[in-house]
Amino acid sequence: MTTGTRTGAGAGTGADTDPGADTEAERRRRRAQFLRDLAEARELRDRVQPRRAKAARLRHAMRMRTFRW
């Protein structure tokens, strides 16, 4: 059964929507949601793969120590 509104993962991604028509607020809202999802995925990966997470932390620390301001 289809309705006039679209929700879920496919909402707003149809060919009938013009990418230039999105407002700045809508773009920022979608970007914020994406960044929240990305952070959640990273946290989950760190929980299930602690050894890889530790290695990534050490690599990041080394990059920060060698970075020139």
PDB file of N, CA and C in Angstrom:
ATOM      1  N   MET A   1       0.849  -1.184   0.000  1.00  0.00           N
ATOM      2  CA  MET A   1       0.000   0.000   0.000  1.00  0.00           C
ATOM      3  C   MET A   1       0.886   1.236   0.000  1.00  0.00           C
ATOM      4  N   THR A   2       0.643   2.129  -0.928  1.00  0.00           N
ATOM      5  CA  THR A   2       1.448   3.340  -1.010  1.00  0.00           C
ATOM      6  C   THR A   2       0.634   4.539  -0.572  1.00  0.00           C
ATOM      7  N   THR A   3       1.331   5.479   0.036  1.00  0.00           N
ATOM      8  CA  THR A   3       0.695   6.716   0.474  1.00  0.00           C
ATOM      9  C   THR A   3       1.424   7.878  -0.168  1.00  0.00           C
ATOM     10  N   GLY A   4       0.924   9.064   0.034  1.00  0.00           N
ATOM     11  CA  GLY A   4       1.518  10.247  -0.553  1.00  0.00           C
ATOM     12  C   GLY A   4       2.824  10.673   0.100  1.00  0.00           C
ATOM     13  N   THR A   5       3.084  10.224   1.309  1.00  0.00           N
ATOM     14  CA  THR A   5       4.300  10.616   1.991  1.00  0.00           C
ATOM     15  C   THR A   5       5.305   9.487   1.932  1.00  0.00           C
ATOM     16  N   ARG A   6       6.558   9.871   1.908  1.00  0.00           N
ATOM     17  CA  ARG A   6       7.622   8.872   1.889  1.00  0.00           C
ATOM     18  C   ARG A   6       8.445   9.016   3.149  1.00  0.00           C
ATOM     19  N   THR A   7       8.702   7.882   3.787  1.00  0.00           N
ATOM     20  CA  THR A   7       9.490   7.901   4.999  1.00  0.00           C
ATOM     21  C   THR A   7      10.546   6.823   4.906  1.00  0.00           C
ATOM     22  N   GLY A   8      11.500   6.857   5.841  1.00  0.00           N
ATOM     23  CA  GLY A   8      12.504   5.815   5.887  1.00  0.00           C
ATOM     24  C   GLY A   8      13.745   6.184   5.095  1.00  0.00           C
ATOM     25  N   ALA A   9      14.529   5.146   4.733  1.00  0.00           N
ATOM     26  CA  ALA A   9      15.817   5.370   4.092  1.00  0.00           C
ATOM     27  C   ALA A   9      15.670   5.980   2.707  1.00  0.00           C
ATOM     28  N   GLY A  10      14.577   5.710   1.993  1.00  0.00           N
ATOM     29  CA  GLY A  10      14.422   6.216   0.646  1.00  0.00           C
ATOM     30  C   GLY A  10      13.729   7.552   0.556  1.00  0.00           C
ATOM     31  N   ALA A  11      13.425   8.180   1.659  1.00  0.00           N
ATOM     32  CA  ALA A  11      12.683   9.436   1.641  1.00  0.00           C
ATOM     33  C   ALA A  11      13.523  10.547   1.038  1.00  0.00           C
ATOM     34  N   GLY A  12      12.927  11.278   0.096  1.00  0.00           N
ATOM     35  CA  GLY A  12      13.606  12.430  -0.461  1.00  0.00           C
ATOM     36  C   GLY A  12      14.708  12.111  -1.448  1.00  0.00           C
ATOM     37  N   THR A  13      14.814  10.876  -1.911  1.00  0.00           N
ATOM     38  CA  THR A  13      15.889  10.529  -2.818  1.00  0.00           C
ATOM     39  C   THR A  13      15.377  10.193  -4.202  1.00  0.00           C
ATOM     40  N   GLY A  14      14.137  10.520  -4.507  1.00  0.00           N
ATOM     41  CA  GLY A  14      13.555  10.183  -5.798  1.00  0.00           C
ATOM     42  C   GLY A  14      14.046  11.108  -6.891  1.00  0.00           C
ATOM     43  N   ALA A  15      13.793  10.711  -8.133  1.00  0.00           N
ATOM     44  CA  ALA A  15      14.220  11.500  -9.284  1.00  0.00           C
ATOM     45  C   ALA A  15      13.394  12.781  -9.411  1.00  0.00           C
ATOM     46  N   ASP A  16      12.226  12.816  -8.764  1.00  0.00           N
ATOM     47  CA  ASP A  16      11.368  13.989  -8.883  1.00  0.00           C
ATOM     48  C   ASP A  16      11.841  15.157  -8.027  1.00  0.00           C
ATOM     49  N   THR A  17      12.782  14.945  -7.130  1.00  0.00           N
ATOM     50  CA  THR A  17      13.273  16.034  -6.296  1.00  0.00           C
ATOM     51  C   THR A  17      14.511  16.644  -6.936  1.00  0.00           C
ATOM     52  N   ASP A  18      14.560  17.961  -6.949  1.00  0.00           N
ATOM     53  CA  ASP A  18      15.687  18.679  -7.516  1.00  0.00           C
ATOM     54  C   ASP A  18      16.715  18.909  -6.415  1.00  0.00           C
ATOM     55  N   PRO A  19      17.978  18.457  -6.605  1.00  0.00           N
ATOM     56  CA  PRO A  19      18.975  18.633  -5.536  1.00  0.00           C
ATOM     57  C   PRO A  19      19.219  20.097  -5.187  1.00  0.00           C
ATOM     58  N   GLY A  20      19.052  21.008  -6.142  1.00  0.00           N
ATOM     59  CA  GLY A  20      19.265  22.420  -5.862  1.00  0.00           C
ATOM     60  C   GLY A  20      18.127  23.044  -5.088  1.00  0.00           C
ATOM     61  N   ALA A  21      16.989  22.337  -4.993  1.00  0.00           N
ATOM     62  CA  ALA A  21      15.818  22.890  -4.329  1.00  0.00           C
ATOM     63  C   ALA A  21      15.868  22.713  -2.807  1.00  0.00           C
ATOM     64  N   ASP A  22      16.769  21.864  -2.309  1.00  0.00           N
ATOM     65  CA  ASP A  22      16.868  21.658  -0.862  1.00  0.00           C
ATOM     66  C   ASP A  22      17.316  22.943  -0.181  1.00  0.00           C
ATOM     67  N   THR A  23      16.725  23.205   0.930  1.00  0.00           N
ATOM     68  CA  THR A  23      17.114  24.388   1.682  1.00  0.00           C
ATOM     69  C   THR A  23      18.398  24.092   2.449  1.00  0.00           C
ATOM     70  N   GLU A  24      19.050  25.135   2.853  1.00  0.00           N
ATOM     71  CA  GLU A  24      20.276  24.990   3.632  1.00  0.00           C
ATOM     72  C   GLU A  24      20.000  24.266   4.951  1.00  0.00           C
ATOM     73  N   ALA A  25      18.866  24.555   5.577  1.00  0.00           N
ATOM     74  CA  ALA A  25      18.514  23.911   6.840  1.00  0.00           C
ATOM     75  C   ALA A  25      18.316  22.408   6.658  1.00  0.00           C
ATOM     76  N   GLU A  26      17.667  22.028   5.560  1.00  0.00           N
ATOM     77  CA  GLU A  26      17.452  20.606   5.288  1.00  0.00           C
ATOM     78  C   GLU A  26      18.778  19.898   5.043  1.00  0.00           C
ATOM     79  N   ARG A  27      19.678  20.525   4.309  1.00  0.00           N
ATOM     80  CA  ARG A  27      20.993  19.934   4.040  1.00  0.00           C
ATOM     81  C   ARG A  27      21.768  19.754   5.337  1.00  0.00           C
ATOM     82  N   ARG A  28      21.725  20.771   6.187  1.00  0.00           N
ATOM     83  CA  ARG A  28      22.422  20.674   7.476  1.00  0.00           C
ATOM     84  C   ARG A  28      21.821  19.586   8.364  1.00  0.00           C
ATOM     85  N   ARG A  29      20.483  19.437   8.335  1.00  0.00           N
ATOM     86  CA  ARG A  29      19.827  18.405   9.129  1.00  0.00           C
ATOM     87  C   ARG A  29      20.251  17.010   8.661  1.00  0.00           C
ATOM     88  N   ARG A  30      20.286  16.814   7.346  1.00  0.00           N
ATOM     89  CA  ARG A  30      20.699  15.511   6.820  1.00  0.00           C
ATOM     90  C   ARG A  30      22.165  15.230   7.124  1.00  0.00           C
ATOM     91  N   ARG A  31      23.007  16.268   7.047  1.00  0.00           N
ATOM     92  CA  ARG A  31      24.424  16.091   7.337  1.00  0.00           C
ATOM     93  C   ARG A  31      24.638  15.747   8.812  1.00  0.00           C
ATOM     94  N   ALA A  32      23.910  16.423   9.694  1.00  0.00           N
ATOM     95  CA  ALA A  32      24.023  16.135  11.122  1.00  0.00           C
ATOM     96  C   ALA A  32      23.599  14.702  11.419  1.00  0.00           C
ATOM     97  N   GLN A  33      22.522  14.243  10.787  1.00  0.00           N
ATOM     98  CA  GLN A  33      22.065  12.868  10.987  1.00  0.00           C
ATOM     99  C   GLN A  33      23.118  11.882  10.486  1.00  0.00           C
ATOM    100  N   PHE A  34      23.708  12.165   9.338  1.00  0.00           N
ATOM    101  CA  PHE A  34      24.751  11.289   8.803  1.00  0.00           C
ATOM    102  C   PHE A  34      25.936  11.213   9.755  1.00  0.00           C
ATOM    103  N   LEU A  35      26.363  12.356  10.284  1.00  0.00           N
ATOM    104  CA  LEU A  35      27.510  12.362  11.191  1.00  0.00           C
ATOM    105  C   LEU A  35      27.203  11.633  12.493  1.00  0.00           C
ATOM    106  N   ARG A  36      25.949  11.737  12.978  1.00  0.00           N
ATOM    107  CA  ARG A  36      25.560  10.972  14.171  1.00  0.00           C
ATOM    108  C   ARG A  36      25.626   9.480  13.892  1.00  0.00           C
ATOM    109  N   ASP A  37      25.100   9.057  12.742  1.00  0.00           N
ATOM    110  CA  ASP A  37      25.138   7.641  12.377  1.00  0.00           C
ATOM    111  C   ASP A  37      26.570   7.145  12.228  1.00  0.00           C
ATOM    112  N   LEU A  38      27.427   7.977  11.643  1.00  0.00           N
ATOM    113  CA  LEU A  38      28.822   7.598  11.463  1.00  0.00           C
ATOM    114  C   LEU A  38      29.525   7.421  12.806  1.00  0.00           C
ATOM    115  N   ALA A  39      29.288   8.333  13.731  1.00  0.00           N
ATOM    116  CA  ALA A  39      29.890   8.225  15.063  1.00  0.00           C
ATOM    117  C   ALA A  39      29.383   6.982  15.786  1.00  0.00           C
ATOM    118  N   GLU A  40      28.097   6.681  15.642  1.00  0.00           N
ATOM    119  CA  GLU A  40      27.529   5.488  16.268  1.00  0.00           C
ATOM    120  C   GLU A  40      28.171   4.226  15.694  1.00  0.00           C
ATOM    121  N   ALA A  41      28.384   4.198  14.387  1.00  0.00           N
ATOM    122  CA  ALA A  41      29.010   3.042  13.750  1.00  0.00           C
ATOM    123  C   ALA A  41      30.446   2.876  14.229  1.00  0.00           C
ATOM    124  N   ARG A  42      31.169   3.984  14.382  1.00  0.00           N
ATOM    125  CA  ARG A  42      32.543   3.904  14.886  1.00  0.00           C
ATOM    126  C   ARG A  42      32.578   3.358  16.313  1.00  0.00           C
ATOM    127  N   GLU A  43      31.652   3.829  17.156  1.00  0.00           N
ATOM    128  CA  GLU A  43      31.603   3.337  18.533  1.00  0.00           C
ATOM    129  C   GLU A  43      31.313   1.843  18.574  1.00  0.00           C
ATOM    130  N   LEU A  44      30.386   1.400  17.739  1.00  0.00           N
ATOM    131  CA  LEU A  44      30.067  -0.023  17.682  1.00  0.00           C
ATOM    132  C   LEU A  44      31.281  -0.827  17.238  1.00  0.00           C
ATOM    133  N   ARG A  45      31.980  -0.352  16.216  1.00  0.00           N
ATOM    134  CA  ARG A  45      33.162  -1.062  15.726  1.00  0.00           C
ATOM    135  C   ARG A  45      34.231  -1.120  16.804  1.00  0.00           C
ATOM    136  N   ASP A  46      34.401  -0.025  17.539  1.00  0.00           N
ATOM    137  CA  ASP A  46      35.396  -0.007  18.608  1.00  0.00           C
ATOM    138  C   ASP A  46      35.048  -0.989  19.717  1.00  0.00           C
ATOM    139  N   ARG A  47      33.758  -1.164  19.995  1.00  0.00           N
ATOM    140  CA  ARG A  47      33.346  -2.114  21.034  1.00  0.00           C
ATOM    141  C   ARG A  47      33.577  -3.557  20.612  1.00  0.00           C
ATOM    142  N   VAL A  48      33.311  -3.870  19.360  1.00  0.00           N
ATOM    143  CA  VAL A  48      33.416  -5.261  18.938  1.00  0.00           C
ATOM    144  C   VAL A  48      34.818  -5.630  18.474  1.00  0.00           C
ATOM    145  N   GLN A  49      35.683  -4.633  18.213  1.00  0.00           N
ATOM    146  CA  GLN A  49      37.059  -4.904  17.795  1.00  0.00           C
ATOM    147  C   GLN A  49      38.019  -4.047  18.606  1.00  0.00           C
ATOM    148  N   PRO A  50      38.189  -4.364  19.895  1.00  0.00           N
ATOM    149  CA  PRO A  50      38.993  -3.490  20.754  1.00  0.00           C
ATOM    150  C   PRO A  50      40.459  -3.398  20.323  1.00  0.00           C
ATOM    151  N   ARG A  51      41.018  -4.469  19.773  1.00  0.00           N
ATOM    152  CA  ARG A  51      42.428  -4.424  19.370  1.00  0.00           C
ATOM    153  C   ARG A  51      42.627  -3.442  18.211  1.00  0.00           C
ATOM    154  N   ARG A  52      41.713  -3.499  17.259  1.00  0.00           N
ATOM    155  CA  ARG A  52      41.799  -2.570  16.128  1.00  0.00           C
ATOM    156  C   ARG A  52      41.583  -1.139  16.595  1.00  0.00           C
ATOM    157  N   ALA A  53      40.683  -0.957  17.549  1.00  0.00           N
ATOM    158  CA  ALA A  53      40.415   0.388  18.060  1.00  0.00           C
ATOM    159  C   ALA A  53      41.652   0.944  18.770  1.00  0.00           C
ATOM    160  N   LYS A  54      42.331   0.105  19.522  1.00  0.00           N
ATOM    161  CA  LYS A  54      43.534   0.560  20.219  1.00  0.00           C
ATOM    162  C   LYS A  54      44.606   0.947  19.210  1.00  0.00           C
ATOM    163  N   ALA A  55      44.797   0.144  18.180  1.00  0.00           N
ATOM    164  CA  ALA A  55      45.786   0.459  17.151  1.00  0.00           C
ATOM    165  C   ALA A  55      45.427   1.775  16.454  1.00  0.00           C
ATOM    166  N   ALA A  56      44.149   1.983  16.189  1.00  0.00           N
ATOM    167  CA  ALA A  56      43.712   3.229  15.543  1.00  0.00           C
ATOM    168  C   ALA A  56      43.979   4.422  16.455  1.00  0.00           C
ATOM    169  N   ARG A  57      43.732   4.261  17.761  1.00  0.00           N
ATOM    170  CA  ARG A  57      44.018   5.353  18.706  1.00  0.00           C
ATOM    171  C   ARG A  57      45.503   5.683  18.715  1.00  0.00           C
ATOM    172  N   LEU A  58      46.347   4.653  18.712  1.00  0.00           N
ATOM    173  CA  LEU A  58      47.794   4.884  18.726  1.00  0.00           C
ATOM    174  C   LEU A  58      48.255   5.564  17.432  1.00  0.00           C
ATOM    175  N   ARG A  59      47.704   5.146  16.287  1.00  0.00           N
ATOM    176  CA  ARG A  59      48.059   5.796  15.016  1.00  0.00           C
ATOM    177  C   ARG A  59      47.636   7.259  15.024  1.00  0.00           C
ATOM    178  N   HIS A  60      46.438   7.511  15.546  1.00  0.00           N
ATOM    179  CA  HIS A  60      45.948   8.891  15.605  1.00  0.00           C
ATOM    180  C   HIS A  60      46.839   9.735  16.516  1.00  0.00           C
ATOM    181  N   ALA A  61      47.237   9.190  17.650  1.00  0.00           N
ATOM    182  CA  ALA A  61      48.109   9.914  18.574  1.00  0.00           C
ATOM    183  C   ALA A  61      49.452  10.223  17.910  1.00  0.00           C
ATOM    184  N   MET A  62      49.982   9.272  17.149  1.00  0.00           N
ATOM    185  CA  MET A  62      51.246   9.501  16.467  1.00  0.00           C
ATOM    186  C   MET A  62      51.094  10.609  15.412  1.00  0.00           C
ATOM    187  N   ARG A  63      50.005  10.588  14.678  1.00  0.00           N
ATOM    188  CA  ARG A  63      49.760  11.647  13.693  1.00  0.00           C
ATOM    189  C   ARG A  63      49.682  13.013  14.380  1.00  0.00           C
ATOM    190  N   MET A  64      49.016  13.062  15.527  1.00  0.00           N
ATOM    191  CA  MET A  64      48.864  14.345  16.209  1.00  0.00           C
ATOM    192  C   MET A  64      50.196  14.830  16.773  1.00  0.00           C
ATOM    193  N   ARG A  65      51.031  13.908  17.219  1.00  0.00           N
ATOM    194  CA  ARG A  65      52.339  14.316  17.763  1.00  0.00           C
ATOM    195  C   ARG A  65      53.242  14.852  16.653  1.00  0.00           C
ATOM    196  N   THR A  66      53.128  14.324  15.451  1.00  0.00           N
ATOM    197  CA  THR A  66      54.032  14.734  14.368  1.00  0.00           C
ATOM    198  C   THR A  66      53.453  15.867  13.524  1.00  0.00           C
ATOM    199  N   PHE A  67      52.259  16.323  13.849  1.00  0.00           N
ATOM    200  CA  PHE A  67      51.634  17.392  13.070  1.00  0.00           C
ATOM    201  C   PHE A  67      52.276  18.728  13.416  1.00  0.00           C
ATOM    202  N   ARG A  68      52.603  19.503  12.378  1.00  0.00           N
ATOM    203  CA  ARG A  68      53.198  20.833  12.593  1.00  0.00           C
ATOM    204  C   ARG A  68      52.103  21.884  12.535  1.00  0.00           C
ATOM    205  N   TRP A  69      52.005  22.734  13.535  1.00  0.00           N
ATOM    206  CA  TRP A  69      51.017  23.804  13.531  1.00  0.00           C
ATOM    207  C   TRP A  69      51.545  24.892  12.719  1.00  0.00           C
TER     208      TRP A  69
END
